PDB file of N, CA and C in Angstrom:
ATOM      1  N   GLY A   1       0.848  -1.306   0.117  1.00  0.00           N
ATOM      2  CA  GLY A   1      -0.036  -0.182   0.028  1.00  0.00           C
ATOM      3  C   GLY A   1       0.897   1.236  -0.030  1.00  0.00           C
ATOM      4  N   ILE A   2       0.317   2.522  -0.200  1.00  0.00           N
ATOM      5  CA  ILE A   2       0.769   3.848  -0.031  1.00  0.00           C
ATOM      6  C   ILE A   2       0.284   4.397   1.093  1.00  0.00           C
ATOM      7  N   GLY A   3       1.309   4.931   2.014  1.00  0.00           N
ATOM      8  CA  GLY A   3       0.672   5.655   3.125  1.00  0.00           C
ATOM      9  C   GLY A   3       0.916   7.126   3.062  1.00  0.00           C
ATOM     10  N   ARG A   4       0.124   8.116   3.447  1.00  0.00           N
ATOM     11  CA  ARG A   4       0.422   9.454   3.409  1.00  0.00           C
ATOM     12  C   ARG A   4       0.561  10.022   4.708  1.00  0.00           C
ATOM     13  N   ALA A   5       1.506  10.879   5.229  1.00  0.00           N
ATOM     14  CA  ALA A   5       1.542  11.555   6.393  1.00  0.00           C
ATOM     15  C   ALA A   5       1.763  13.107   6.111  1.00  0.00           C
ATOM     16  N   GLU A   6       1.227  13.876   7.026  1.00  0.00           N
ATOM     17  CA  GLU A   6       1.687  15.179   7.048  1.00  0.00           C
ATOM     18  C   GLU A   6       2.178  15.544   8.526  1.00  0.00           C
ATOM     19  N   TYR A   7       3.677  16.042   8.442  1.00  0.00           N
ATOM     20  CA  TYR A   7       4.148  16.565   9.458  1.00  0.00           C
ATOM     21  C   TYR A   7       3.998  18.056   9.876  1.00  0.00           C
ATOM     22  N   GLY A   8       3.986  18.268  11.228  1.00  0.00           N
ATOM     23  CA  GLY A   8       4.142  19.624  11.769  1.00  0.00           C
ATOM     24  C   GLY A   8       5.614  20.163  11.984  1.00  0.00           C
ATOM     25  N   GLY A   9       6.481  19.051  12.325  1.00  0.00           N
ATOM     26  CA  GLY A   9       7.810  19.300  12.823  1.00  0.00           C
ATOM     27  C   GLY A   9       8.628  17.896  12.483  1.00  0.00           C
ATOM     28  N   PHE A  10       9.784  17.997  12.202  1.00  0.00           N
ATOM     29  CA  PHE A  10      10.584  16.949  12.103  1.00  0.00           C
ATOM     30  C   PHE A  10      12.035  17.258  12.201  1.00  0.00           C
ATOM     31  N   LEU A  11      12.688  16.125  12.616  1.00  0.00           N
ATOM     32  CA  LEU A  11      13.940  16.124  12.424  1.00  0.00           C
ATOM     33  C   LEU A  11      14.662  15.111  11.564  1.00  0.00           C
ATOM     34  N   LEU A  12      15.644  15.366  10.951  1.00  0.00           N
ATOM     35  CA  LEU A  12      15.903  14.625   9.758  1.00  0.00           C
ATOM     36  C   LEU A  12      17.354  14.255  10.375  1.00  0.00           C
ATOM     37  N   SER A  13      18.070  12.910  10.377  1.00  0.00           N
ATOM     38  CA  SER A  13      19.088  12.436  10.911  1.00  0.00           C
ATOM     39  C   SER A  13      19.660  11.435  10.167  1.00  0.00           C
ATOM     40  N   LEU A  14      20.909  11.339   9.677  1.00  0.00           N
ATOM     41  CA  LEU A  14      21.558  10.281   9.215  1.00  0.00           C
ATOM     42  C   LEU A  14      22.837   9.657  10.035  1.00  0.00           C
ATOM     43  N   PRO A  15      23.124   8.378  10.116  1.00  0.00           N
ATOM     44  CA  PRO A  15      22.578   7.437   9.472  1.00  0.00           C
ATOM     45  C   PRO A  15      20.895   6.880  10.279  1.00  0.00           C
ATOM     46  N   PRO A  16      20.412   6.419   9.793  1.00  0.00           N
ATOM     47  CA  PRO A  16      18.972   6.175  10.493  1.00  0.00           C
ATOM     48  C   PRO A  16      19.333   5.315  11.694  1.00  0.00           C
ATOM     49  N   ARG A  17      18.325   5.085  12.547  1.00  0.00           N
ATOM     50  CA  ARG A  17      18.010   4.452  13.594  1.00  0.00           C
ATOM     51  C   ARG A  17      19.289   4.663  14.703  1.00  0.00           C
ATOM     52  N   ARG A  18      19.940   5.765  14.835  1.00  0.00           N
ATOM     53  CA  ARG A  18      20.940   6.036  15.809  1.00  0.00           C
ATOM     54  C   ARG A  18      20.310   6.964  17.113  1.00  0.00           C
ATOM     55  N   MET A  19      19.068   7.367  16.904  1.00  0.00           N
ATOM     56  CA  MET A  19      18.434   8.447  17.964  1.00  0.00           C
ATOM     57  C   MET A  19      17.628   7.516  18.695  1.00  0.00           C
ATOM     58  N   ILE A  20      17.874   7.837  19.920  1.00  0.00           N
ATOM     59  CA  ILE A  20      16.767   7.467  21.010  1.00  0.00           C
ATOM     60  C   ILE A  20      15.596   8.322  21.128  1.00  0.00           C
ATOM     61  N   ASP A  21      14.790   8.140  21.780  1.00  0.00           N
ATOM     62  CA  ASP A  21      13.427   8.917  21.876  1.00  0.00           C
ATOM     63  C   ASP A  21      13.656  10.241  22.225  1.00  0.00           C
ATOM     64  N   VAL A  22      13.585  11.214  21.301  1.00  0.00           N
ATOM     65  CA  VAL A  22      13.737  12.535  21.962  1.00  0.00           C
ATOM     66  C   VAL A  22      12.852  13.131  22.884  1.00  0.00           C
ATOM     67  N   TRP A  23      11.451  12.711  22.759  1.00  0.00           N
ATOM     68  CA  TRP A  23      10.200  12.993  23.514  1.00  0.00           C
ATOM     69  C   TRP A  23      10.348  12.725  24.918  1.00  0.00           C
ATOM     70  N   THR A  24      11.103  11.804  25.311  1.00  0.00           N
ATOM     71  CA  THR A  24      11.445  11.310  26.664  1.00  0.00           C
ATOM     72  C   THR A  24      12.772  11.432  27.397  1.00  0.00           C
ATOM     73  N   ASP A  25      13.805  11.860  26.311  1.00  0.00           N
ATOM     74  CA  ASP A  25      15.043  11.951  26.862  1.00  0.00           C
ATOM     75  C   ASP A  25      15.061  13.393  27.888  1.00  0.00           C
ATOM     76  N   PRO A  26      15.653  12.843  29.085  1.00  0.00           N
ATOM     77  CA  PRO A  26      15.894  13.728  30.106  1.00  0.00           C
ATOM     78  C   PRO A  26      16.947  14.752  29.941  1.00  0.00           C
ATOM     79  N   ASP A  27      17.674  14.440  28.842  1.00  0.00           N
ATOM     80  CA  ASP A  27      18.658  15.508  28.617  1.00  0.00           C
ATOM     81  C   ASP A  27      18.270  16.683  27.706  1.00  0.00           C
ATOM     82  N   TYR A  28      16.888  16.600  27.485  1.00  0.00           N
ATOM     83  CA  TYR A  28      16.292  17.714  26.612  1.00  0.00           C
ATOM     84  C   TYR A  28      15.313  18.293  27.488  1.00  0.00           C
ATOM     85  N   GLU A  29      15.027  18.201  28.662  1.00  0.00           N
ATOM     86  CA  GLU A  29      14.041  18.639  29.408  1.00  0.00           C
ATOM     87  C   GLU A  29      13.967  20.332  29.696  1.00  0.00           C
ATOM     88  N   LEU A  30      15.222  21.009  29.565  1.00  0.00           N
ATOM     89  CA  LEU A  30      15.098  22.444  29.410  1.00  0.00           C
ATOM     90  C   LEU A  30      14.080  23.145  27.951  1.00  0.00           C
ATOM     91  N   ALA A  31      13.984  22.364  27.152  1.00  0.00           N
ATOM     92  CA  ALA A  31      13.042  22.717  26.139  1.00  0.00           C
ATOM     93  C   ALA A  31      11.447  23.174  26.482  1.00  0.00           C
ATOM     94  N   ALA A  32      11.117  24.304  26.214  1.00  0.00           N
ATOM     95  CA  ALA A  32       9.743  24.601  26.622  1.00  0.00           C
ATOM     96  C   ALA A  32       8.741  24.284  25.511  1.00  0.00           C
ATOM     97  N   THR A  33       8.978  24.154  24.184  1.00  0.00           N
ATOM     98  CA  THR A  33       8.065  23.583  23.324  1.00  0.00           C
ATOM     99  C   THR A  33       8.705  22.341  22.358  1.00  0.00           C
ATOM    100  N   LYS A  34       8.155  21.664  21.517  1.00  0.00           N
ATOM    101  CA  LYS A  34       8.187  20.673  20.857  1.00  0.00           C
ATOM    102  C   LYS A  34       9.373  20.989  19.533  1.00  0.00           C
ATOM    103  N   PRO A  35       9.267  22.344  19.149  1.00  0.00           N
ATOM    104  CA  PRO A  35      10.293  22.719  18.251  1.00  0.00           C
ATOM    105  C   PRO A  35      11.451  22.931  19.134  1.00  0.00           C
ATOM    106  N   GLU A  36      11.667  23.385  20.082  1.00  0.00           N
ATOM    107  CA  GLU A  36      12.656  23.382  21.113  1.00  0.00           C
ATOM    108  C   GLU A  36      13.702  22.073  21.162  1.00  0.00           C
ATOM    109  N   ARG A  37      12.543  21.019  21.750  1.00  0.00           N
ATOM    110  CA  ARG A  37      12.953  19.817  21.746  1.00  0.00           C
ATOM    111  C   ARG A  37      13.856  19.173  20.371  1.00  0.00           C
ATOM    112  N   LEU A  38      13.235  19.418  19.475  1.00  0.00           N
ATOM    113  CA  LEU A  38      13.719  18.830  18.428  1.00  0.00           C
ATOM    114  C   LEU A  38      14.911  19.566  18.086  1.00  0.00           C
ATOM    115  N   LEU A  39      15.193  20.987  18.048  1.00  0.00           N
ATOM    116  CA  LEU A  39      16.235  21.851  17.850  1.00  0.00           C
ATOM    117  C   LEU A  39      17.344  21.110  18.713  1.00  0.00           C
ATOM    118  N   LEU A  40      17.161  20.865  19.965  1.00  0.00           N
ATOM    119  CA  LEU A  40      18.241  20.310  20.893  1.00  0.00           C
ATOM    120  C   LEU A  40      18.685  18.811  20.405  1.00  0.00           C
ATOM    121  N   ALA A  41      17.753  18.122  20.066  1.00  0.00           N
ATOM    122  CA  ALA A  41      18.137  16.874  19.341  1.00  0.00           C
ATOM    123  C   ALA A  41      18.898  17.011  18.082  1.00  0.00           C
ATOM    124  N   GLY A  42      18.663  18.066  17.478  1.00  0.00           N
ATOM    125  CA  GLY A  42      19.396  18.335  16.160  1.00  0.00           C
ATOM    126  C   GLY A  42      20.698  18.821  16.360  1.00  0.00           C
ATOM    127  N   LEU A  43      20.910  19.539  17.599  1.00  0.00           N
ATOM    128  CA  LEU A  43      22.441  19.952  17.931  1.00  0.00           C
ATOM    129  C   LEU A  43      23.037  18.504  18.428  1.00  0.00           C
ATOM    130  N   ASP A  44      22.548  18.088  19.347  1.00  0.00           N
ATOM    131  CA  ASP A  44      23.134  16.899  19.645  1.00  0.00           C
ATOM    132  C   ASP A  44      23.515  15.849  18.728  1.00  0.00           C
ATOM    133  N   TYR A  45      22.724  15.417  17.775  1.00  0.00           N
ATOM    134  CA  TYR A  45      23.143  14.222  17.077  1.00  0.00           C
ATOM    135  C   TYR A  45      23.588  14.647  15.566  1.00  0.00           C
ATOM    136  N   SER A  46      23.708  16.244  15.106  1.00  0.00           N
ATOM    137  CA  SER A  46      24.198  16.576  14.268  1.00  0.00           C
ATOM    138  C   SER A  46      25.615  16.145  14.115  1.00  0.00           C
ATOM    139  N   ILE A  47      25.902  15.593  12.868  1.00  0.00           N
ATOM    140  CA  ILE A  47      27.652  15.527  12.514  1.00  0.00           C
ATOM    141  C   ILE A  47      28.231  16.906  11.857  1.00  0.00           C
ATOM    142  N   HIS A  48      27.256  17.592  11.458  1.00  0.00           N
ATOM    143  CA  HIS A  48      27.484  18.634  10.477  1.00  0.00           C
ATOM    144  C   HIS A  48      27.647  20.215  11.512  1.00  0.00           C
ATOM    145  N   ARG A  49      28.306  20.764  11.124  1.00  0.00           N
ATOM    146  CA  ARG A  49      28.479  22.463  11.858  1.00  0.00           C
ATOM    147  C   ARG A  49      27.097  23.064  11.881  1.00  0.00           C
ATOM    148  N   HIS A  50      26.749  23.144  10.763  1.00  0.00           N
ATOM    149  CA  HIS A  50      25.255  23.726  10.941  1.00  0.00           C
ATOM    150  C   HIS A  50      23.891  23.132  10.804  1.00  0.00           C
ATOM    151  N   VAL A  51      23.067  23.579  11.678  1.00  0.00           N
ATOM    152  CA  VAL A  51      21.810  22.757  11.901  1.00  0.00           C
ATOM    153  C   VAL A  51      20.822  23.849  11.515  1.00  0.00           C
ATOM    154  N   VAL A  52      19.983  23.530  10.584  1.00  0.00           N
ATOM    155  CA  VAL A  52      18.569  24.496  10.047  1.00  0.00           C
ATOM    156  C   VAL A  52      17.512  24.412  11.025  1.00  0.00           C
ATOM    157  N   TYR A  53      16.910  25.475  11.548  1.00  0.00           N
ATOM    158  CA  TYR A  53      15.753  25.449  12.336  1.00  0.00           C
ATOM    159  C   TYR A  53      14.799  26.712  11.367  1.00  0.00           C
ATOM    160  N   VAL A  54      13.669  25.901  11.008  1.00  0.00           N
ATOM    161  CA  VAL A  54      12.669  26.530  10.473  1.00  0.00           C
ATOM    162  C   VAL A  54      11.705  26.642  11.504  1.00  0.00           C
ATOM    163  N   ALA A  55      11.075  27.863  11.737  1.00  0.00           N
ATOM    164  CA  ALA A  55      10.237  28.038  12.598  1.00  0.00           C
ATOM    165  C   ALA A  55       9.349  29.411  12.735  1.00  0.00           C
ATOM    166  N   ALA A  56       8.462  29.851  13.341  1.00  0.00           N
ATOM    167  CA  ALA A  56       7.755  31.220  13.377  1.00  0.00           C
ATOM    168  C   ALA A  56       8.572  31.891  14.158  1.00  0.00           C
ATOM    169  N   LYS A  57       9.280  31.728  15.194  1.00  0.00           N
ATOM    170  CA  LYS A  57      10.248  32.521  16.132  1.00  0.00           C
ATOM    171  C   LYS A  57      11.529  31.908  16.259  1.00  0.00           C
ATOM    172  N   PRO A  58      12.512  32.975  16.132  1.00  0.00           N
ATOM    173  CA  PRO A  58      14.001  32.378  16.348  1.00  0.00           C
ATOM    174  C   PRO A  58      14.017  31.659  17.679  1.00  0.00           C
ATOM    175  N   PRO A  59      15.087  30.812  17.796  1.00  0.00           N
ATOM    176  CA  PRO A  59      15.410  30.260  19.116  1.00  0.00           C
ATOM    177  C   PRO A  59      15.900  31.073  20.332  1.00  0.00           C
ATOM    178  N   ARG A  60      15.433  30.702  21.407  1.00  0.00           N
ATOM    179  CA  ARG A  60      16.141  31.288  22.606  1.00  0.00           C
ATOM    180  C   ARG A  60      17.549  31.601  22.293  1.00  0.00           C
ATOM    181  N   SER A  61      18.024  32.556  23.202  1.00  0.00           N
ATOM    182  CA  SER A  61      19.564  32.828  23.088  1.00  0.00           C
ATOM    183  C   SER A  61      20.270  31.558  23.783  1.00  0.00           C
ATOM    184  N   VAL A  62      19.817  30.956  24.827  1.00  0.00           N
ATOM    185  CA  VAL A  62      20.310  29.672  25.481  1.00  0.00           C
ATOM    186  C   VAL A  62      20.815  28.688  24.406  1.00  0.00           C
ATOM    187  N   PHE A  63      19.960  28.529  23.417  1.00  0.00           N
ATOM    188  CA  PHE A  63      19.965  27.711  22.278  1.00  0.00           C
ATOM    189  C   PHE A  63      21.487  27.847  21.568  1.00  0.00           C
ATOM    190  N   ARG A  64      21.625  29.131  21.126  1.00  0.00           N
ATOM    191  CA  ARG A  64      22.910  29.506  20.607  1.00  0.00           C
ATOM    192  C   ARG A  64      24.064  29.355  21.253  1.00  0.00           C
ATOM    193  N   THR A  65      23.761  29.631  22.649  1.00  0.00           N
ATOM    194  CA  THR A  65      25.199  29.159  23.761  1.00  0.00           C
ATOM    195  C   THR A  65      25.191  27.587  23.658  1.00  0.00           C
ATOM    196  N   ILE A  66      24.081  27.000  23.441  1.00  0.00           N
ATOM    197  CA  ILE A  66      24.558  25.480  23.670  1.00  0.00           C
ATOM    198  C   ILE A  66      24.914  24.998  22.330  1.00  0.00           C
ATOM    199  N   ALA A  67      24.605  25.747  21.182  1.00  0.00           N
ATOM    200  CA  ALA A  67      25.420  25.217  19.754  1.00  0.00           C
ATOM    201  C   ALA A  67      26.495  25.491  19.931  1.00  0.00           C
ATOM    202  N   GLY A  68      27.236  26.890  20.539  1.00  0.00           N
ATOM    203  CA  GLY A  68      28.458  27.153  20.475  1.00  0.00           C
ATOM    204  C   GLY A  68      29.171  26.212  21.113  1.00  0.00           C
ATOM    205  N   ARG A  69      28.848  25.845  22.379  1.00  0.00           N
ATOM    206  CA  ARG A  69      29.624  24.683  23.018  1.00  0.00           C
ATOM    207  C   ARG A  69      29.610  23.324  22.439  1.00  0.00           C
ATOM    208  N   LEU A  70      28.731  23.226  21.440  1.00  0.00           N
ATOM    209  CA  LEU A  70      28.815  21.547  20.729  1.00  0.00           C
ATOM    210  C   LEU A  70      29.616  22.010  19.444  1.00  0.00           C
ATOM    211  N   GLY A  71      29.757  23.089  19.197  1.00  0.00           N
ATOM    212  CA  GLY A  71      30.807  23.388  17.827  1.00  0.00           C
ATOM    213  C   GLY A  71      29.780  23.581  16.777  1.00  0.00           C
ATOM    214  N   ARG A  72      28.593  23.923  17.269  1.00  0.00           N
ATOM    215  CA  ARG A  72      27.626  24.135  15.870  1.00  0.00           C
ATOM    216  C   ARG A  72      27.115  25.610  15.932  1.00  0.00           C
ATOM    217  N   SER A  73      26.465  25.844  14.758  1.00  0.00           N
ATOM    218  CA  SER A  73      25.821  27.131  14.747  1.00  0.00           C
ATOM    219  C   SER A  73      24.058  26.635  14.009  1.00  0.00           C
ATOM    220  N   ILE A  74      23.298  27.589  14.375  1.00  0.00           N
ATOM    221  CA  ILE A  74      21.896  27.432  14.212  1.00  0.00           C
ATOM    222  C   ILE A  74      21.559  28.455  13.226  1.00  0.00           C
ATOM    223  N   LEU A  75      21.171  27.929  11.778  1.00  0.00           N
ATOM    224  CA  LEU A  75      20.812  28.506  10.658  1.00  0.00           C
ATOM    225  C   LEU A  75      19.101  28.682  10.721  1.00  0.00           C
ATOM    226  N   TYR A  76      18.728  30.001  11.180  1.00  0.00           N
ATOM    227  CA  TYR A  76      17.410  30.234  11.261  1.00  0.00           C
ATOM    228  C   TYR A  76      16.760  30.786  10.127  1.00  0.00           C
ATOM    229  N   VAL A  77      15.573  30.178   9.902  1.00  0.00           N
ATOM    230  CA  VAL A  77      14.841  30.447   8.581  1.00  0.00           C
ATOM    231  C   VAL A  77      13.358  30.338   9.262  1.00  0.00           C
ATOM    232  N   PRO A  78      13.008  31.747   8.991  1.00  0.00           N
ATOM    233  CA  PRO A  78      11.469  32.216   9.415  1.00  0.00           C
ATOM    234  C   PRO A  78      10.715  31.323   8.183  1.00  0.00           C
ATOM    235  N   ILE A  79       9.576  30.591   9.165  1.00  0.00           N
ATOM    236  CA  ILE A  79       8.809  29.712   8.428  1.00  0.00           C
ATOM    237  C   ILE A  79       7.892  30.541   7.254  1.00  0.00           C
ATOM    238  N   GLY A  80       7.708  31.626   7.759  1.00  0.00           N
ATOM    239  CA  GLY A  80       7.078  32.502   6.715  1.00  0.00           C
ATOM    240  C   GLY A  80       7.551  32.947   5.305  1.00  0.00           C
ATOM    241  N   GLN A  81       8.962  32.884   5.568  1.00  0.00           N
ATOM    242  CA  GLN A  81       9.699  32.947   3.994  1.00  0.00           C
ATOM    243  C   GLN A  81       9.760  31.804   3.375  1.00  0.00           C
ATOM    244  N   LEU A  82       9.112  30.981   3.512  1.00  0.00           N
ATOM    245  CA  LEU A  82       8.842  29.496   2.862  1.00  0.00           C
ATOM    246  C   LEU A  82       7.412  29.750   1.975  1.00  0.00           C
ATOM    247  N   SER A  83       7.305  29.319   0.871  1.00  0.00           N
ATOM    248  CA  SER A  83       5.817  29.300   0.213  1.00  0.00           C
ATOM    249  C   SER A  83       4.921  28.311   0.649  1.00  0.00           C
ATOM    250  N   PRO A  84       3.832  28.315   0.328  1.00  0.00           N
ATOM    251  CA  PRO A  84       2.781  27.019   0.897  1.00  0.00           C
ATOM    252  C   PRO A  84       3.268  26.021   0.188  1.00  0.00           C
ATOM    253  N   ALA A  85       3.543  26.120  -1.191  1.00  0.00           N
ATOM    254  CA  ALA A  85       3.754  24.883  -2.037  1.00  0.00           C
ATOM    255  C   ALA A  85       5.235  24.376  -1.430  1.00  0.00           C
ATOM    256  N   THR A  86       6.155  25.058  -1.237  1.00  0.00           N
ATOM    257  CA  THR A  86       7.293  24.671  -0.430  1.00  0.00           C
ATOM    258  C   THR A  86       7.109  23.786   0.781  1.00  0.00           C
ATOM    259  N   LEU A  87       6.363  24.469   1.527  1.00  0.00           N
ATOM    260  CA  LEU A  87       5.967  23.839   2.997  1.00  0.00           C
ATOM    261  C   LEU A  87       5.259  22.533   2.840  1.00  0.00           C
ATOM    262  N   LYS A  88       4.155  22.567   1.847  1.00  0.00           N
ATOM    263  CA  LYS A  88       3.622  21.096   1.488  1.00  0.00           C
ATOM    264  C   LYS A  88       4.659  20.044   1.135  1.00  0.00           C
ATOM    265  N   LYS A  89       5.734  20.372   0.280  1.00  0.00           N
ATOM    266  CA  LYS A  89       6.415  19.431  -0.047  1.00  0.00           C
ATOM    267  C   LYS A  89       7.416  18.843   1.092  1.00  0.00           C
ATOM    268  N   ILE A  90       7.798  19.808   1.901  1.00  0.00           N
ATOM    269  CA  ILE A  90       8.596  19.439   3.033  1.00  0.00           C
ATOM    270  C   ILE A  90       7.592  18.588   4.103  1.00  0.00           C
ATOM    271  N   ARG A  91       6.534  18.931   4.395  1.00  0.00           N
ATOM    272  CA  ARG A  91       5.653  18.009   5.241  1.00  0.00           C
ATOM    273  C   ARG A  91       5.003  17.219   4.919  1.00  0.00           C
ATOM    274  N   VAL A  92       4.447  16.886   3.611  1.00  0.00           N
ATOM    275  CA  VAL A  92       3.670  15.708   3.299  1.00  0.00           C
ATOM    276  C   VAL A  92       4.570  14.659   2.797  1.00  0.00           C
ATOM    277  N   VAL A  93       4.745  13.534   3.277  1.00  0.00           N
ATOM    278  CA  VAL A  93       5.573  12.290   3.067  1.00  0.00           C
ATOM    279  C   VAL A  93       4.783  11.222   2.471  1.00  0.00           C
ATOM    280  N   HIS A  94       5.081  10.572   1.384  1.00  0.00           N
ATOM    281  CA  HIS A  94       4.307   9.081   1.214  1.00  0.00           C
ATOM    282  C   HIS A  94       5.413   7.984   1.465  1.00  0.00           C
ATOM    283  N   VAL A  95       4.823   6.980   2.291  1.00  0.00           N
ATOM    284  CA  VAL A  95       5.388   6.031   2.617  1.00  0.00           C
ATOM    285  C   VAL A  95       4.862   4.695   1.707  1.00  0.00           C
ATOM    286  N   LEU A  96       5.996   4.012   0.875  1.00  0.00           N
ATOM    287  CA  LEU A  96       5.518   2.860   0.172  1.00  0.00           C
ATOM    288  C   LEU A  96       5.995   1.537   0.743  1.00  0.00           C
ATOM    289  N   ASP A  97       5.213   0.629   0.392  1.00  0.00           N
ATOM    290  CA  ASP A  97       5.332  -0.598   0.894  1.00  0.00           C
ATOM    291  C   ASP A  97       6.271  -1.644   0.352  1.00  0.00           C
ATOM    292  N   SER A  98       6.634  -1.016  -0.760  1.00  0.00           N
ATOM    293  CA  SER A  98       7.884  -1.959  -1.670  1.00  0.00           C
ATOM    294  C   SER A  98       8.370  -1.138  -2.703  1.00  0.00           C
ATOM    295  N   HIS A  99       9.304  -1.651  -3.407  1.00  0.00           N
ATOM    296  CA  HIS A  99      10.179  -0.766  -4.552  1.00  0.00           C
ATOM    297  C   HIS A  99       9.211  -0.599  -5.467  1.00  0.00           C
ATOM    298  N   GLN A 100       8.690  -1.723  -5.795  1.00  0.00           N
ATOM    299  CA  GLN A 100       7.302  -2.084  -6.857  1.00  0.00           C
ATOM    300  C   GLN A 100       6.408  -1.128  -6.787  1.00  0.00           C
ATOM    301  N   ARG A 101       6.173  -0.577  -5.660  1.00  0.00           N
ATOM    302  CA  ARG A 101       5.162   0.476  -5.340  1.00  0.00           C
ATOM    303  C   ARG A 101       5.187   1.666  -6.122  1.00  0.00           C
ATOM    304  N   ARG A 102       6.292   2.247  -6.334  1.00  0.00           N
ATOM    305  CA  ARG A 102       6.929   3.472  -6.964  1.00  0.00           C
ATOM    306  C   ARG A 102       6.335   3.694  -8.141  1.00  0.00           C
ATOM    307  N   GLU A 103       6.059   2.541  -8.998  1.00  0.00           N
ATOM    308  CA  GLU A 103       5.692   2.790 -10.473  1.00  0.00           C
ATOM    309  C   GLU A 103       4.045   2.996  -9.985  1.00  0.00           C
ATOM    310  N   THR A 104       3.447   2.664  -9.399  1.00  0.00           N
ATOM    311  CA  THR A 104       1.796   2.997  -8.800  1.00  0.00           C
ATOM    312  C   THR A 104       2.169   4.106  -8.445  1.00  0.00           C
ATOM    313  N   ALA A 105       2.736   4.962  -7.627  1.00  0.00           N
ATOM    314  CA  ALA A 105       2.868   6.018  -6.674  1.00  0.00           C
ATOM    315  C   ALA A 105       3.077   7.185  -7.814  1.00  0.00           C
ATOM    316  N   LYS A 106       3.628   6.843  -8.743  1.00  0.00           N
ATOM    317  CA  LYS A 106       4.040   7.893  -9.787  1.00  0.00           C
ATOM    318  C   LYS A 106       2.690   8.329 -10.637  1.00  0.00           C
ATOM    319  N   GLU A 107       1.889   7.416 -10.612  1.00  0.00           N
ATOM    320  CA  GLU A 107       0.728   7.959 -11.144  1.00  0.00           C
ATOM    321  C   GLU A 107      -0.299   8.790 -10.569  1.00  0.00           C
TER     322      GLU A 107
END
């Protein structure tokens, strides 16, 4: 089958399956919101210097301090700068049950 999901927020990390549950991790208790919790996990797990944060408001200064201590920098992109079409492309994901299903999904 083909599944469709629409996300409000997400964190991408490679390689897969190396991240513990960020929602219950006590290391991220200082986060006041879900976006902040995802940002902390992104700073923690990133293997790159820059971490992109797309949100309505910029991160609090404490997150820039944490990023600096970890040798990272936060690249803030206001969500309002992204077009509705771009946001839809980012938020909507289709999950296929097999490689053969790709041909069906293209239609």
